Amino acid sequence: MLETFDPVLLAVLSNRMDAIVREMTNTLLRAARSAVIAMSRDFSCCLVTGEGDLLATAEAAPVHVFGAHLQARSMVDLHPDLSEGDAFLHNDPYLGNTHPADHTILVPVFCAGMHLFTAVAKAHQADIGNSIPTTYHASAKDIYEEGALIFPCVRVQRDFRNVEDIMRMCRKRIRVPDQWYGDYLAAIGAARIGERRLKALVEQYGVETLRAFIHAWFDYSERRIVQEIRRLPPGRLENHARHDPIPGVIPDGIPLKVVLEIDPASAYIDIDLRDNPDCLPCGLNESEACAINNVMTGVFNCLEPDIPHNAGTFRRIRVHLRENCVVGIPRFPHSCSVATTNVGDRLVNATQAAFAGIGEGWGLAEGNPSLTSGCAVVSGEDARHGNRAFINQMFLMGGGGPASPVSDGWINLLIPVGAGLLYRDSVELDEQKYPVLVKSLRLMPDSGGPGRHRGAPGTEVVYGPRARPIRVVSAPDAWQTPPRGVRGGHDGTCSQDHILRPDGGETKVEGFINVELQPGEFIRGRDCGGGGYGSPLERDLQRVLHDVQERWVSAGQAESVYGVVLTRDARGEVNGVDVPASEARRSALTQGGAH
């Protein structure tokens, strides 16, 4: 098909598809009411073919959309009476969704009477009716204790009109009904924009041309990844990871194992996740979509960035799962409340770090895997508005990104599953929208893992309530096991959360956080710095100087770890590098076994 399809038209139509997804994305971003969507951008849009194959994902978070084909296929399987004007709400983690908090709107797009596409808009909600005010219920023993409203691809619009029974159900159960309804309308609007633009595209080019394009685009994408895999050395890569304990929930943590088989001759990458623990009585189990999404993300992080992300590419990456596995296919009623993060972040890290085993120039270090209190779901009553109830997930953390073979880590990674696509909140807007006071927000010196390329520093945020108490719920990881460096790079720092009392005392909080802060109390969250890549003794001297002057690295670490001797001016400010002394210092550290 590829040989017969006009390559210029192929490029035009592929970019038109991405443009449609971007317009859907901008619609949802501008129309949503909750800050978790409108400010933090915890949502994604994509296009799927009528056969259920992922087609276009521009600007979408991979954790949201790499498994969207599972949801689209479930819509077709469950609804043989699909018709124009339908829309479906899908948040069922046992039926292809990521986790219950990701409400997904699916709109089948009909052209010339045929179901040719599905427009998908997935958005993380501020509240979904859980038994406690959070969308990350890590301690839930099963879905019943979790308490989420589950919609197994339920029709919410027929003939372009809402099914009011479903609207009333959601409004009755969700803690912030008006906010939810505004976000619902924004998602519906985004999907309908996609529907409208696809219909116009088909009208312009015709059904047969679009069908031919889909086949040609998938074939081209497959050819691109075949070329990429064939330049990899053959071999088996195995990597281990660990989710840290949550006292009273998973007291021993969760050991994880990722096995990759790279076969350049046949141009396949196989990822085996079957040798992992069974599903656990907590909310940390991966859904099938998340297990696929997160290891695929780790692979794509290590390949050329211009490879398309669609069903054609996915033909060459095979993910092997088993049922009733914490990183496989969950068995009902095990909870998948926290499926998108935590264990998922460890999977991304383990997969991309495994590629570093190929040799120099391959793979990535590990990035921050911890949703500290800086990314908590915060709720309570707002005294500024007649004690009106509020709830929202705040994104005030940064999350240190992993170092790569060619660059330092990015300071706003947030977490690996987000792929750097989510936004940090504006402090001023959070304080305006919600009754919280942000006392400080800063990068932490010496938190990024030292290396030839340095992991990004972690972030510290301190905030608390104003006039009335607030509840803070989060599920941080990595308070024992930090993001690891690779190829001689050092680890980043661990995460920390502390409650700060008015008398100056501090209480450390470990594992699942579910606390009520009184006025005058604050909570301090410190996320992890990313892991480093390569020996810190090989880092460019001027880059170390720059890091010290930016206060990302202390002068002490510069000398003791990087082997860089700094010079100072008359005021004691660092102003340069003593090159001969640094070379001698590095030689001494090398002979002493440092790296």
Protein backbone atom coordinates (compact mmCIF):
# COMPACT_ATOMS: atom_id res chain seq x y z
CA MET A 1 0.00 0.00 0.00
CA LEU A 2 2.83 2.41 0.92
CA GLU A 3 4.43 2.11 -2.53
CA THR A 4 1.21 3.16 -4.26
CA PHE A 5 0.08 6.01 -1.98
CA ASP A 6 1.24 9.53 -2.83
CA PRO A 7 3.97 10.34 -0.25
CA VAL A 8 3.12 14.04 -0.30
CA LEU A 9 -0.52 13.30 0.45
CA LEU A 10 0.61 10.88 3.16
CA ALA A 11 2.49 13.71 4.88
CA VAL A 12 -0.41 16.13 4.42
CA LEU A 13 -3.03 13.78 5.85
CA SER A 14 -0.89 12.61 8.77
CA ASN A 15 -0.37 16.23 9.77
CA ARG A 16 -4.06 16.97 9.31
CA MET A 17 -4.85 14.15 11.74
CA ASP A 18 -2.42 15.59 14.27
CA ALA A 19 -3.95 19.04 13.75
CA ILE A 20 -7.39 17.63 14.56
CA VAL A 21 -6.06 16.10 17.78
CA ARG A 22 -4.42 19.40 18.71
CA GLU A 23 -7.68 21.26 18.16
CA MET A 24 -9.48 18.72 20.35
CA THR A 25 -6.77 19.20 22.96
CA ASN A 26 -7.03 22.98 22.91
CA THR A 27 -10.81 22.79 23.17
CA LEU A 28 -10.66 20.65 26.29
CA LEU A 29 -7.89 22.74 27.83
CA ARG A 30 -9.78 26.02 27.36
CA ALA A 31 -13.26 24.79 28.24
CA ALA A 32 -12.62 22.65 31.35
CA ARG A 33 -13.50 23.94 34.82
CA SER A 34 -11.23 21.98 37.16
CA ALA A 35 -7.61 23.04 37.56
CA VAL A 36 -6.38 19.46 37.18
CA ILE A 37 -7.50 19.66 33.53
CA ALA A 38 -7.49 23.38 32.66
CA MET A 39 -4.19 24.21 34.37
CA SER A 40 -2.26 20.98 35.01
CA ARG A 41 -3.32 19.49 31.65
CA ASP A 42 -3.96 15.99 33.01
CA PHE A 43 -5.87 14.87 29.93
CA SER A 44 -5.27 13.65 26.40
CA CYS A 45 -7.07 13.35 23.08
CA CYS A 46 -6.49 10.95 20.21
CA LEU A 47 -8.06 9.41 17.12
CA VAL A 48 -8.72 5.71 16.62
CA THR A 49 -9.85 3.98 13.43
CA GLY A 50 -13.24 2.31 13.17
CA GLU A 51 -11.42 -1.02 13.44
CA GLY A 52 -9.99 0.07 16.79
CA ASP A 53 -6.41 0.96 15.81
CA LEU A 54 -4.66 3.99 17.30
CA LEU A 55 -4.19 6.56 14.54
CA ALA A 56 -3.09 9.99 15.88
CA THR A 57 -1.83 11.09 19.30
CA ALA A 58 -0.39 14.60 18.93
CA GLU A 59 0.53 16.13 22.33
CA ALA A 60 -1.13 13.25 24.19
CA ALA A 61 0.36 11.71 27.33
CA PRO A 62 1.35 8.14 26.42
CA VAL A 63 -0.11 6.74 29.64
CA HIS A 64 -3.51 7.97 28.46
CA VAL A 65 -3.59 6.95 24.82
CA PHE A 66 -1.27 4.04 24.02
CA GLY A 67 -4.06 1.73 25.19
CA ALA A 68 -6.96 3.70 23.70
CA HIS A 69 -7.53 0.96 21.13
CA LEU A 70 -8.73 -1.32 23.94
CA GLN A 71 -11.47 1.14 24.85
CA ALA A 72 -12.51 1.78 21.26
CA ARG A 73 -12.81 -1.95 20.59
CA SER A 74 -14.87 -2.47 23.73
CA MET A 75 -17.28 0.20 22.48
CA VAL A 76 -17.81 -1.71 19.24
CA ASP A 77 -18.12 -5.06 21.04
CA LEU A 78 -20.65 -3.81 23.59
CA HIS A 79 -22.76 -1.66 21.28
CA PRO A 80 -23.72 -3.32 18.00
CA ASP A 81 -26.30 -0.53 17.57
CA LEU A 82 -23.72 2.27 17.26
CA SER A 83 -25.15 5.24 15.44
CA GLU A 84 -24.37 8.84 14.61
CA GLY A 85 -24.93 11.16 17.57
CA ASP A 86 -23.80 8.59 20.14
CA ALA A 87 -21.22 9.30 22.82
CA PHE A 88 -19.98 6.93 25.51
CA LEU A 89 -18.45 7.39 28.97
CA HIS A 90 -15.79 4.78 29.73
CA ASN A 91 -13.66 4.57 32.87
CA ASP A 92 -13.62 0.80 33.42
CA PRO A 93 -10.05 -0.42 34.13
CA TYR A 94 -11.11 -4.03 33.48
CA LEU A 95 -12.32 -3.11 29.99
CA GLY A 96 -9.42 -1.13 28.56
CA ASN A 97 -9.34 2.11 30.55
CA THR A 98 -6.33 3.28 32.54
CA HIS A 99 -7.91 3.87 35.97
CA PRO A 100 -11.34 4.98 37.17
CA ALA A 101 -10.35 8.65 37.55
CA ASP A 102 -9.73 8.95 33.80
CA HIS A 103 -13.21 9.60 32.41
CA THR A 104 -13.03 8.88 28.69
CA ILE A 105 -15.50 10.15 26.11
CA LEU A 106 -15.72 8.01 22.96
CA VAL A 107 -17.56 9.36 19.91
CA PRO A 108 -17.99 7.05 16.90
CA VAL A 109 -17.56 9.05 13.70
CA PHE A 110 -19.73 7.97 10.79
CA CYS A 111 -18.95 8.88 7.20
CA ALA A 112 -21.15 7.70 4.33
CA GLY A 113 -22.96 5.52 6.84
CA MET A 114 -19.76 3.75 7.94
CA HIS A 115 -18.05 3.87 11.33
CA LEU A 116 -14.71 5.16 10.06
CA PHE A 117 -13.13 6.72 13.18
CA THR A 118 -13.55 7.13 16.93
CA ALA A 119 -12.72 10.46 18.57
CA VAL A 120 -11.37 10.02 22.10
CA ALA A 121 -11.07 12.58 24.91
CA LYS A 122 -9.75 11.31 28.24
CA ALA A 123 -9.52 13.57 31.30
CA HIS A 124 -8.49 12.94 34.89
CA GLN A 125 -11.28 14.09 37.19
CA ALA A 126 -11.01 16.12 40.37
CA ASP A 127 -13.40 13.66 42.05
CA ILE A 128 -15.13 10.42 41.01
CA GLY A 129 -17.15 9.57 44.11
CA ASN A 130 -14.49 7.48 45.87
CA SER A 131 -15.00 6.48 49.49
CA ILE A 132 -12.43 9.09 50.52
CA PRO A 133 -11.79 12.43 48.77
CA THR A 134 -9.09 11.34 46.34
CA THR A 135 -8.75 9.80 42.91
CA TYR A 136 -5.70 7.80 44.10
CA HIS A 137 -6.96 5.39 46.77
CA ALA A 138 -3.77 3.40 47.37
CA SER A 139 -5.07 1.58 50.45
CA ALA A 140 -8.31 0.32 48.85
CA LYS A 141 -8.41 -3.47 49.26
CA ASP A 142 -10.76 -3.81 46.28
CA ILE A 143 -12.98 -1.77 44.02
CA TYR A 144 -15.78 -1.83 46.59
CA GLU A 145 -13.62 -0.12 49.21
CA GLU A 146 -12.32 2.20 46.50
CA GLY A 147 -15.89 3.32 45.84
CA ALA A 148 -15.55 4.81 42.36
CA LEU A 149 -18.47 5.05 39.97
CA ILE A 150 -17.53 2.68 37.14
CA PHE A 151 -18.93 3.22 33.64
CA PRO A 152 -18.19 0.19 31.41
CA CYS A 153 -18.54 2.13 28.15
CA VAL A 154 -22.00 3.53 28.93
CA ARG A 155 -23.94 5.60 26.40
CA VAL A 156 -24.18 9.19 27.66
CA GLN A 157 -25.45 10.81 24.48
CA ARG A 158 -27.94 9.59 21.92
CA ASP A 159 -28.82 11.77 18.95
CA PHE A 160 -26.35 14.36 20.29
CA ARG A 161 -28.41 14.76 23.49
CA ASN A 162 -27.36 13.79 27.00
CA VAL A 163 -28.81 10.70 28.63
CA GLU A 164 -30.09 12.54 31.69
CA ASP A 165 -30.24 9.42 33.88
CA ILE A 166 -26.43 9.23 33.74
CA MET A 167 -26.06 12.95 34.36
CA ARG A 168 -28.19 12.72 37.51
CA MET A 169 -26.25 9.70 38.73
CA CYS A 170 -22.93 11.52 38.44
CA ARG A 171 -24.22 14.74 39.95
CA LYS A 172 -25.61 12.86 42.94
CA ARG A 173 -22.44 10.92 43.68
CA ILE A 174 -19.54 13.19 42.73
CA ARG A 175 -18.48 15.69 45.41
CA VAL A 176 -18.26 18.68 43.07
CA PRO A 177 -21.14 18.09 40.61
CA ASP A 178 -21.03 21.43 38.81
CA GLN A 179 -17.28 21.21 38.32
CA TRP A 180 -17.61 17.63 37.04
CA TYR A 181 -20.39 18.60 34.64
CA GLY A 182 -18.31 21.45 33.23
CA ASP A 183 -15.41 19.07 32.62
CA TYR A 184 -17.80 16.55 31.06
CA LEU A 185 -19.12 19.17 28.64
CA ALA A 186 -15.55 20.17 27.76
CA ALA A 187 -14.64 16.56 26.95
CA ILE A 188 -17.82 16.06 24.92
CA GLY A 189 -17.07 19.29 23.07
CA ALA A 190 -13.52 18.18 22.29
CA ALA A 191 -14.69 14.84 20.92
CA ARG A 192 -17.41 16.51 18.85
CA ILE A 193 -14.84 18.93 17.41
CA GLY A 194 -12.83 15.88 16.35
CA GLU A 195 -15.94 14.36 14.79
CA ARG A 196 -16.72 17.56 12.87
CA ARG A 197 -13.18 17.96 11.54
CA LEU A 198 -12.94 14.30 10.49
CA LYS A 199 -16.21 14.55 8.58
CA ALA A 200 -14.92 17.63 6.77
CA LEU A 201 -11.69 15.82 5.92
CA VAL A 202 -13.58 12.84 4.50
CA GLU A 203 -15.81 15.19 2.52
CA GLN A 204 -12.70 16.82 1.05
CA TYR A 205 -10.77 13.65 0.14
CA GLY A 206 -13.35 10.86 0.08
CA VAL A 207 -13.79 7.67 2.09
CA GLU A 208 -11.58 5.49 -0.10
CA THR A 209 -8.67 7.94 0.00
CA LEU A 210 -8.86 8.11 3.80
CA ARG A 211 -9.01 4.33 4.08
CA ALA A 212 -6.01 4.01 1.81
CA PHE A 213 -4.21 6.66 3.86
CA ILE A 214 -4.79 4.74 7.10
CA HIS A 215 -3.21 1.58 5.67
CA ALA A 216 -0.33 3.50 4.11
CA TRP A 217 0.32 5.49 7.30
CA PHE A 218 0.46 2.36 9.43
CA ASP A 219 2.77 0.68 6.91
CA TYR A 220 5.07 3.70 6.86
CA SER A 221 5.14 3.83 10.66
CA GLU A 222 5.96 0.14 10.84
CA ARG A 223 8.78 0.60 8.33
CA ARG A 224 10.23 3.43 10.42
CA ILE A 225 10.40 1.37 13.60
CA VAL A 226 11.73 -1.65 11.72
CA GLN A 227 14.65 0.52 10.59
CA GLU A 228 15.19 1.67 14.17
CA ILE A 229 15.09 -1.82 15.70
CA ARG A 230 17.50 -3.16 13.10
CA ARG A 231 20.19 -0.77 14.26
CA LEU A 232 19.95 -2.12 17.81
CA PRO A 233 22.26 -4.93 18.92
CA PRO A 234 20.49 -8.24 19.60
CA GLY A 235 20.13 -9.40 23.16
CA ARG A 236 18.14 -9.91 26.30
CA LEU A 237 17.85 -7.04 28.76
CA GLU A 238 16.55 -7.60 32.27
CA ASN A 239 15.94 -4.95 34.87
CA HIS A 240 14.45 -4.92 38.34
CA ALA A 241 12.62 -2.20 40.21
CA ARG A 242 10.76 -1.81 43.47
CA HIS A 243 7.80 0.18 44.71
CA ASP A 244 8.53 1.17 48.28
CA PRO A 245 6.44 -0.11 51.19
CA ILE A 246 3.22 1.54 52.27
CA PRO A 247 2.82 0.79 55.98
CA GLY A 248 -0.31 -1.22 56.61
CA VAL A 249 -0.93 -1.71 52.89
CA ILE A 250 2.14 -3.26 51.23
CA PRO A 251 4.60 -3.60 54.14
CA ASP A 252 7.31 -5.19 51.97
CA GLY A 253 6.84 -3.05 48.88
CA ILE A 254 6.38 -4.50 45.39
CA PRO A 255 9.30 -6.11 43.52
CA LEU A 256 9.08 -5.62 39.76
CA LYS A 257 10.84 -7.22 36.80
CA VAL A 258 11.00 -6.18 33.15
CA VAL A 259 12.55 -8.45 30.49
CA LEU A 260 13.20 -7.18 26.96
CA GLU A 261 14.20 -9.32 23.99
CA ILE A 262 15.59 -7.34 21.06
CA ASP A 263 15.71 -9.21 17.76
CA PRO A 264 17.04 -6.95 14.99
CA ALA A 265 16.86 -9.75 12.41
CA SER A 266 13.08 -10.06 12.69
CA ALA A 267 12.74 -6.42 13.85
CA TYR A 268 10.74 -7.13 17.00
CA ILE A 269 11.03 -6.00 20.60
CA ASP A 270 9.32 -8.29 23.10
CA ILE A 271 8.59 -7.08 26.63
CA ASP A 272 7.76 -9.76 29.17
CA LEU A 273 6.01 -8.70 32.39
CA ARG A 274 4.65 -12.11 33.39
CA ASP A 275 7.24 -12.84 36.09
CA ASN A 276 5.75 -10.37 38.56
CA PRO A 277 3.60 -10.74 41.69
CA ASP A 278 -0.10 -11.50 41.56
CA CYS A 279 -2.63 -8.71 42.02
CA LEU A 280 -2.47 -7.22 45.50
CA PRO A 281 -5.20 -6.10 47.94
CA CYS A 282 -4.48 -2.41 47.34
CA GLY A 283 -5.05 0.26 44.72
CA LEU A 284 -1.62 -0.05 43.06
CA ASN A 285 -2.47 -2.78 40.53
CA GLU A 286 -1.81 -1.86 36.91
CA SER A 287 -4.69 -2.04 34.47
CA GLU A 288 -4.00 -3.80 31.18
CA ALA A 289 -3.88 -0.45 29.40
CA CYS A 290 -1.37 0.99 31.88
CA ALA A 291 0.88 -2.07 31.81
CA ILE A 292 1.08 -1.74 28.02
CA ASN A 293 1.33 2.06 28.01
CA ASN A 294 4.14 2.35 30.50
CA VAL A 295 6.61 -0.17 29.11
CA MET A 296 5.92 1.14 25.61
CA THR A 297 6.74 4.62 26.89
CA GLY A 298 10.05 3.35 28.26
CA VAL A 299 10.90 1.86 24.86
CA PHE A 300 9.94 4.95 22.85
CA ASN A 301 11.99 7.13 25.22
CA CYS A 302 15.07 5.29 23.94
CA LEU A 303 14.31 5.40 20.21
CA GLU A 304 14.41 8.21 17.66
CA PRO A 305 11.86 10.91 18.59
CA ASP A 306 10.33 11.23 15.11
CA ILE A 307 8.95 7.68 15.03
CA PRO A 308 5.13 7.90 14.85
CA HIS A 309 3.16 6.54 17.79
CA ASN A 310 0.34 4.52 16.30
CA ALA A 311 -0.88 1.01 15.58
CA GLY A 312 1.63 0.57 12.77
CA THR A 313 4.54 1.14 15.12
CA PHE A 314 2.95 -1.03 17.79
CA ARG A 315 3.03 -4.03 15.45
CA ARG A 316 6.72 -4.38 16.26
CA ILE A 317 6.57 -4.06 20.05
CA ARG A 318 4.92 -7.05 21.71
CA VAL A 319 3.98 -6.83 25.38
CA HIS A 320 3.41 -10.14 27.15
CA LEU A 321 1.02 -10.03 30.12
CA ARG A 322 -0.77 -12.54 32.30
CA GLU A 323 -4.03 -12.38 34.18
CA ASN A 324 -4.18 -11.60 37.89
CA CYS A 325 -0.79 -9.89 37.84
CA VAL A 326 0.08 -6.58 39.49
CA VAL A 327 1.52 -5.47 36.13
CA GLY A 328 -0.74 -7.45 33.85
CA ILE A 329 -4.44 -7.99 33.35
CA PRO A 330 -6.22 -7.25 36.64
CA ARG A 331 -8.82 -9.65 37.93
CA PHE A 332 -12.02 -8.08 39.24
CA PRO A 333 -12.51 -6.79 41.95
CA HIS A 334 -8.83 -5.86 42.54
CA SER A 335 -8.47 -2.09 42.67
CA CYS A 336 -6.61 -0.19 39.94
CA SER A 337 -7.16 3.20 41.57
CA VAL A 338 -3.49 4.26 41.27
CA ALA A 339 -2.72 2.36 38.06
CA THR A 340 -1.51 5.36 36.06
CA THR A 341 1.31 6.34 38.45
CA ASN A 342 3.50 4.67 41.13
CA VAL A 343 4.05 1.13 39.80
CA GLY A 344 3.58 2.57 36.32
CA ASP A 345 6.39 5.07 36.88
CA ARG A 346 8.66 2.29 38.07
CA LEU A 347 7.88 0.37 34.86
CA VAL A 348 8.81 3.33 32.65
CA ASN A 349 12.04 3.80 34.60
CA ALA A 350 12.99 0.12 34.58
CA THR A 351 12.37 -0.17 30.84
CA GLN A 352 14.33 2.89 29.76
CA ALA A 353 17.17 2.14 32.19
CA ALA A 354 17.39 -1.40 30.82
CA PHE A 355 18.37 0.05 27.44
CA ALA A 356 21.47 1.53 29.09
CA GLY A 357 22.68 -2.06 29.32
CA ILE A 358 23.13 -2.09 25.54
CA GLY A 359 26.13 0.18 25.88
CA GLU A 360 27.32 3.76 25.94
CA GLY A 361 24.91 6.16 24.28
CA TRP A 362 21.81 4.07 24.92
CA GLY A 363 19.00 4.29 27.42
CA LEU A 364 18.15 6.79 30.11
CA ALA A 365 18.56 7.07 33.84
CA GLU A 366 15.46 6.99 36.06
CA GLY A 367 13.19 9.95 36.72
CA ASN A 368 11.19 10.98 39.78
CA PRO A 369 8.52 8.31 40.47
CA SER A 370 6.90 9.95 43.48
CA LEU A 371 3.63 11.89 43.71
CA THR A 372 4.45 13.68 46.93
CA SER A 373 2.11 15.98 48.85
CA GLY A 374 3.09 18.55 46.21
CA CYS A 375 0.79 16.64 43.86
CA ALA A 376 -1.93 15.70 46.35
CA VAL A 377 -5.69 15.76 46.06
CA VAL A 378 -6.74 18.58 48.40
CA SER A 379 -10.30 19.08 49.64
CA GLY A 380 -12.36 20.89 52.24
CA GLU A 381 -14.61 23.92 52.55
CA ASP A 382 -13.80 27.36 51.19
CA ALA A 383 -14.63 30.04 53.78
CA ARG A 384 -14.26 32.73 51.13
CA HIS A 385 -17.35 31.38 49.35
CA GLY A 386 -19.77 30.48 52.13
CA ASN A 387 -17.93 27.28 53.07
CA ARG A 388 -18.51 25.85 49.60
CA ALA A 389 -17.02 22.37 49.13
CA PHE A 390 -13.94 22.11 46.93
CA ILE A 391 -11.69 19.32 45.73
CA ASN A 392 -8.84 19.26 43.21
CA GLN A 393 -5.52 17.63 42.56
CA MET A 394 -2.75 20.23 42.74
CA PHE A 395 0.36 19.94 40.59
CA LEU A 396 2.91 22.01 42.48
CA MET A 397 5.82 19.58 42.33
CA GLY A 398 8.42 19.55 39.59
CA GLY A 399 9.88 16.06 39.59
CA GLY A 400 13.51 15.64 38.56
CA GLY A 401 13.90 14.21 35.08
CA PRO A 402 16.42 11.52 34.15
CA ALA A 403 19.74 12.28 32.52
CA SER A 404 20.29 10.95 29.01
CA PRO A 405 23.44 10.18 27.00
CA VAL A 406 23.29 13.69 25.52
CA SER A 407 21.64 15.98 28.05
CA ASP A 408 20.85 16.74 31.66
CA GLY A 409 17.47 15.88 33.11
CA TRP A 410 14.49 18.20 32.75
CA ILE A 411 13.35 19.96 35.92
CA ASN A 412 9.62 19.70 35.14
CA LEU A 413 9.28 16.01 34.31
CA LEU A 414 6.66 15.60 37.09
CA ILE A 415 6.60 11.77 36.77
CA PRO A 416 7.76 9.39 34.00
CA VAL A 417 4.27 8.33 32.85
CA GLY A 418 3.44 11.95 32.02
CA ALA A 419 6.41 12.19 29.65
CA GLY A 420 6.89 15.85 30.57
CA LEU A 421 3.55 16.82 29.01
CA LEU A 422 1.73 17.86 32.17
CA TYR A 423 2.09 21.39 33.51
CA ARG A 424 3.08 22.61 36.94
CA ASP A 425 0.34 24.74 38.49
CA SER A 426 0.57 28.48 38.83
CA VAL A 427 0.92 29.18 42.55
CA GLU A 428 -1.13 32.35 42.22
CA LEU A 429 -3.98 30.61 40.43
CA ASP A 430 -4.08 27.74 42.92
CA GLU A 431 -4.29 30.26 45.77
CA GLN A 432 -7.01 32.15 43.92
CA LYS A 433 -9.14 29.11 43.09
CA TYR A 434 -8.69 27.18 46.35
CA PRO A 435 -8.29 28.15 50.04
CA VAL A 436 -4.63 27.16 50.26
CA LEU A 437 -1.53 29.20 51.04
CA VAL A 438 1.71 28.22 49.29
CA LYS A 439 4.53 29.22 51.60
CA SER A 440 7.44 28.30 49.33
CA LEU A 441 8.38 26.50 46.13
CA ARG A 442 12.02 25.85 45.29
CA LEU A 443 14.51 23.55 43.64
CA MET A 444 16.66 21.53 46.04
CA PRO A 445 20.47 21.70 45.73
CA ASP A 446 22.37 18.41 45.38
CA SER A 447 19.19 16.43 44.71
CA GLY A 448 19.83 15.58 41.06
CA GLY A 449 21.94 12.46 40.55
CA PRO A 450 25.52 13.45 39.64
CA GLY A 451 26.82 12.22 36.31
CA ARG A 452 28.46 13.20 33.06
CA HIS A 453 24.95 14.36 32.44
CA ARG A 454 23.18 15.31 35.66
CA GLY A 455 19.71 14.27 36.76
CA ALA A 456 17.39 17.23 37.25
CA PRO A 457 16.99 18.55 40.80
CA GLY A 458 13.89 17.76 42.79
CA THR A 459 11.39 20.32 44.02
CA GLU A 460 10.27 21.30 47.51
CA VAL A 461 6.83 22.82 48.09
CA VAL A 462 5.30 23.94 51.39
CA TYR A 463 1.60 24.77 51.64
CA GLY A 464 -1.28 24.71 54.08
CA PRO A 465 -4.86 25.84 54.73
CA ARG A 466 -6.16 29.34 55.22
CA ALA A 467 -9.21 29.79 57.46
CA ARG A 468 -10.54 26.22 57.58
CA PRO A 469 -8.94 22.76 57.66
CA ILE A 470 -8.06 20.98 54.42
CA ARG A 471 -7.60 17.27 53.75
CA VAL A 472 -4.48 16.20 51.85
CA VAL A 473 -4.41 12.77 50.19
CA SER A 474 -1.50 11.40 48.19
CA ALA A 475 0.38 8.16 47.52
CA PRO A 476 4.09 8.99 47.32
CA ASP A 477 6.73 6.43 46.42
CA ALA A 478 10.54 6.48 46.49
CA TRP A 479 10.97 7.44 50.14
CA GLN A 480 13.38 4.47 50.37
CA THR A 481 14.38 3.65 46.78
CA PRO A 482 15.44 6.70 44.74
CA PRO A 483 15.64 7.06 40.96
CA ARG A 484 18.77 5.23 39.86
CA GLY A 485 21.59 6.49 37.73
CA VAL A 486 23.05 4.42 34.89
CA ARG A 487 26.47 3.79 33.37
CA GLY A 488 28.28 5.23 36.38
CA GLY A 489 25.77 7.97 37.06
CA HIS A 490 24.66 8.43 40.65
CA ASP A 491 21.17 8.04 42.05
CA GLY A 492 18.87 10.97 42.67
CA THR A 493 17.54 11.72 46.14
CA CYS A 494 14.57 10.05 47.84
CA SER A 495 11.24 11.81 48.32
CA GLN A 496 10.10 13.16 51.69
CA ASP A 497 6.88 14.48 53.19
CA HIS A 498 6.61 16.26 56.55
CA ILE A 499 3.83 17.95 58.46
CA LEU A 500 5.09 21.25 59.90
CA ARG A 501 3.44 22.31 63.15
CA PRO A 502 3.03 25.90 64.39
CA ASP A 503 5.45 25.23 67.27
CA GLY A 504 8.23 24.43 64.80
CA GLY A 505 8.02 20.66 65.16
CA GLU A 506 7.93 18.27 62.21
CA THR A 507 6.30 14.88 61.69
CA LYS A 508 7.49 12.66 58.86
CA VAL A 509 4.76 11.01 56.79
CA GLU A 510 5.62 7.80 54.94
CA GLY A 511 3.55 5.82 52.48
CA PHE A 512 -0.10 6.68 51.88
CA ILE A 513 -0.88 10.24 53.03
CA ASN A 514 -4.40 10.99 54.27
CA VAL A 515 -4.19 13.86 56.75
CA GLU A 516 -6.25 16.85 57.80
CA LEU A 517 -4.25 20.05 58.20
CA GLN A 518 -5.47 22.68 60.64
CA PRO A 519 -4.92 26.41 60.04
CA GLY A 520 -1.33 27.17 61.01
CA GLU A 521 -0.09 23.73 59.93
CA PHE A 522 1.75 23.15 56.67
CA ILE A 523 2.84 20.12 54.69
CA ARG A 524 6.22 19.97 52.95
CA GLY A 525 6.74 17.70 49.98
CA ARG A 526 10.11 17.00 48.43
CA ASP A 527 10.11 14.97 45.23
CA CYS A 528 13.09 13.09 43.86
CA GLY A 529 15.95 14.34 41.78
CA GLY A 530 16.54 12.32 38.61
CA GLY A 531 19.33 9.80 38.18
CA GLY A 532 22.59 10.71 36.45
CA TYR A 533 24.11 9.26 33.27
CA GLY A 534 27.83 8.47 33.11
CA SER A 535 30.59 9.23 35.58
CA PRO A 536 30.40 12.66 37.26
CA LEU A 537 34.19 12.86 36.90
CA GLU A 538 33.64 13.16 33.14
CA ARG A 539 31.30 16.15 33.40
CA ASP A 540 32.41 19.32 31.67
CA LEU A 541 34.05 21.64 34.21
CA GLN A 542 32.14 24.69 33.03
CA ARG A 543 28.83 22.89 33.36
CA VAL A 544 29.65 22.09 36.98
CA LEU A 545 30.50 25.76 37.54
CA HIS A 546 27.18 26.77 36.00
CA ASP A 547 25.29 24.35 38.27
CA VAL A 548 27.01 25.77 41.36
CA GLN A 549 26.24 29.34 40.34
CA GLU A 550 22.61 28.35 39.75
CA ARG A 551 22.64 26.71 43.22
CA TRP A 552 21.59 23.37 41.78
CA VAL A 553 24.86 21.86 43.01
CA SER A 554 26.73 22.90 46.14
CA ALA A 555 30.41 23.78 46.12
CA GLY A 556 30.99 20.83 48.42
CA GLN A 557 29.42 18.34 46.01
CA ALA A 558 31.25 19.95 43.10
CA GLU A 559 34.58 19.12 44.74
CA SER A 560 33.80 15.83 46.49
CA VAL A 561 31.73 14.17 43.74
CA TYR A 562 32.53 16.00 40.50
CA GLY A 563 36.17 16.67 41.38
CA VAL A 564 35.93 20.35 40.47
CA VAL A 565 37.94 22.90 42.44
CA LEU A 566 36.27 26.31 42.31
CA THR A 567 37.71 29.79 42.64
CA ARG A 568 36.08 32.70 44.47
CA ASP A 569 36.18 36.47 44.22
CA ALA A 570 36.89 38.92 47.04
CA ARG A 571 33.29 38.60 48.30
CA GLY A 572 33.56 34.83 48.48
CA GLU A 573 31.30 34.25 45.47
CA VAL A 574 32.18 31.38 43.14
CA ASN A 575 33.52 32.88 39.92
CA GLY A 576 35.49 30.20 38.10
CA VAL A 577 37.25 26.84 37.96
CA ASP A 578 40.85 26.08 38.88
CA VAL A 579 41.51 23.74 35.95
CA PRO A 580 44.90 22.27 37.04
CA ALA A 581 43.64 21.69 40.58
CA SER A 582 40.46 20.10 39.23
CA GLU A 583 42.40 17.74 36.99
CA ALA A 584 44.52 16.70 39.95
CA ARG A 585 41.44 16.28 42.12
CA ARG A 586 39.75 14.10 39.52
CA SER A 587 42.85 11.98 39.13
CA ALA A 588 42.97 11.45 42.89
CA LEU A 589 39.28 10.53 43.03
CA THR A 590 39.71 8.10 40.14
CA GLN A 591 42.66 6.40 41.81
CA GLY A 592 40.70 6.28 45.05
CA GLY A 593 37.86 4.40 43.38
CA ALA A 594 35.36 7.25 43.05
CA HIS A 595 33.39 7.54 39.83
